[in-house]
Amino acid sequence: MSEFEEPKTETIAETRNYLAWKAIEPDGETTYHLELGALTVHFFEEEWDEFLTLVKKLDK
């Protein structure tokens, strides 16, 4: 057995060029990730919530 647990991952949304996914870390913390071409942005849960608020405002 490995001494390190792997996070449990789940795809949230995906397009041809972009991917949003989350990981439930072994310590129970959830992190969110955006893959935007060659750039990957990582968020803690509080940051992700704020980011979603920002994105919703862009749609207005």
C-alpha atoms as a PDB file:
ATOM      1  CA  MET A   1       0.000   0.000   0.000  1.00  0.00           C
ATOM      2  CA  SER A   2       1.190   3.529  -0.776  1.00  0.00           C
ATOM      3  CA  GLU A   3       2.149   5.742   2.150  1.00  0.00           C
ATOM      4  CA  PHE A   4       0.420   8.687   0.419  1.00  0.00           C
ATOM      5  CA  GLU A   5      -3.279   8.793  -0.305  1.00  0.00           C
ATOM      6  CA  GLU A   6      -4.340  10.186  -3.655  1.00  0.00           C
ATOM      7  CA  PRO A   7      -7.038  12.876  -3.709  1.00  0.00           C
ATOM      8  CA  LYS A   8     -10.446  11.920  -5.083  1.00  0.00           C
ATOM      9  CA  THR A   9     -11.068  13.994  -8.208  1.00  0.00           C
ATOM     10  CA  GLU A  10     -14.211  14.902 -10.106  1.00  0.00           C
ATOM     11  CA  THR A  11     -14.679  16.823 -13.340  1.00  0.00           C
ATOM     12  CA  ILE A  12     -17.077  19.760 -12.861  1.00  0.00           C
ATOM     13  CA  ALA A  13     -17.211  21.017 -16.468  1.00  0.00           C
ATOM     14  CA  GLU A  14     -15.231  20.510 -19.639  1.00  0.00           C
ATOM     15  CA  THR A  15     -15.048  22.007 -23.107  1.00  0.00           C
ATOM     16  CA  ARG A  16     -12.682  21.332 -25.956  1.00  0.00           C
ATOM     17  CA  ASN A  17     -10.012  23.648 -24.503  1.00  0.00           C
ATOM     18  CA  TYR A  18     -10.888  24.117 -20.837  1.00  0.00           C
ATOM     19  CA  LEU A  19     -11.442  21.941 -17.786  1.00  0.00           C
ATOM     20  CA  ALA A  20     -12.747  22.622 -14.284  1.00  0.00           C
ATOM     21  CA  TRP A  21     -12.281  19.927 -11.678  1.00  0.00           C
ATOM     22  CA  LYS A  22     -12.209  19.479  -7.936  1.00  0.00           C
ATOM     23  CA  ALA A  23     -10.152  17.319  -5.634  1.00  0.00           C
ATOM     24  CA  ILE A  24     -11.059  16.118  -2.182  1.00  0.00           C
ATOM     25  CA  GLU A  25      -7.706  15.940  -0.490  1.00  0.00           C
ATOM     26  CA  PRO A  26      -6.812  13.186   2.008  1.00  0.00           C
ATOM     27  CA  ASP A  27      -7.111  15.743   4.840  1.00  0.00           C
ATOM     28  CA  GLY A  28     -10.734  16.436   3.812  1.00  0.00           C
ATOM     29  CA  GLU A  29     -10.105  19.828   2.228  1.00  0.00           C
ATOM     30  CA  THR A  30     -11.623  20.440  -1.213  1.00  0.00           C
ATOM     31  CA  THR A  31      -9.571  22.264  -3.824  1.00  0.00           C
ATOM     32  CA  TYR A  32     -10.738  23.468  -7.239  1.00  0.00           C
ATOM     33  CA  HIS A  33      -8.725  23.682 -10.422  1.00  0.00           C
ATOM     34  CA  LEU A  34      -9.194  25.417 -13.765  1.00  0.00           C
ATOM     35  CA  GLU A  35      -7.127  24.248 -16.714  1.00  0.00           C
ATOM     36  CA  LEU A  36      -7.128  27.028 -19.295  1.00  0.00           C
ATOM     37  CA  GLY A  37      -4.885  25.855 -22.087  1.00  0.00           C
ATOM     38  CA  ALA A  38      -1.326  25.866 -20.724  1.00  0.00           C
ATOM     39  CA  LEU A  39      -2.394  27.667 -17.523  1.00  0.00           C
ATOM     40  CA  THR A  40      -3.780  25.914 -14.445  1.00  0.00           C
ATOM     41  CA  VAL A  41      -5.288  27.966 -11.612  1.00  0.00           C
ATOM     42  CA  HIS A  42      -5.759  26.384  -8.181  1.00  0.00           C
ATOM     43  CA  PHE A  43      -8.344  27.561  -5.629  1.00  0.00           C
ATOM     44  CA  PHE A  44      -9.174  26.759  -2.039  1.00  0.00           C
ATOM     45  CA  GLU A  45     -12.919  26.468  -1.394  1.00  0.00           C
ATOM     46  CA  GLU A  46     -13.378  30.067  -0.184  1.00  0.00           C
ATOM     47  CA  GLU A  47     -11.494  31.398  -3.206  1.00  0.00           C
ATOM     48  CA  TRP A  48     -13.567  29.226  -5.543  1.00  0.00           C
ATOM     49  CA  ASP A  49     -16.805  30.585  -4.095  1.00  0.00           C
ATOM     50  CA  GLU A  50     -15.584  34.142  -4.675  1.00  0.00           C
ATOM     51  CA  PHE A  51     -14.470  33.263  -8.202  1.00  0.00           C
ATOM     52  CA  LEU A  52     -17.939  31.863  -9.011  1.00  0.00           C
ATOM     53  CA  THR A  53     -19.499  35.102  -7.741  1.00  0.00           C
ATOM     54  CA  LEU A  54     -17.218  37.030 -10.106  1.00  0.00           C
ATOM     55  CA  VAL A  55     -18.074  34.809 -13.093  1.00  0.00           C
ATOM     56  CA  LYS A  56     -21.805  35.219 -12.467  1.00  0.00           C
ATOM     57  CA  LYS A  57     -21.352  38.999 -12.566  1.00  0.00           C
ATOM     58  CA  LEU A  58     -19.645  38.720 -15.957  1.00  0.00           C
ATOM     59  CA  ASP A  59     -22.782  37.192 -17.443  1.00  0.00           C
ATOM     60  CA  LYS A  60     -24.880  40.312 -16.712  1.00  0.00           C
END
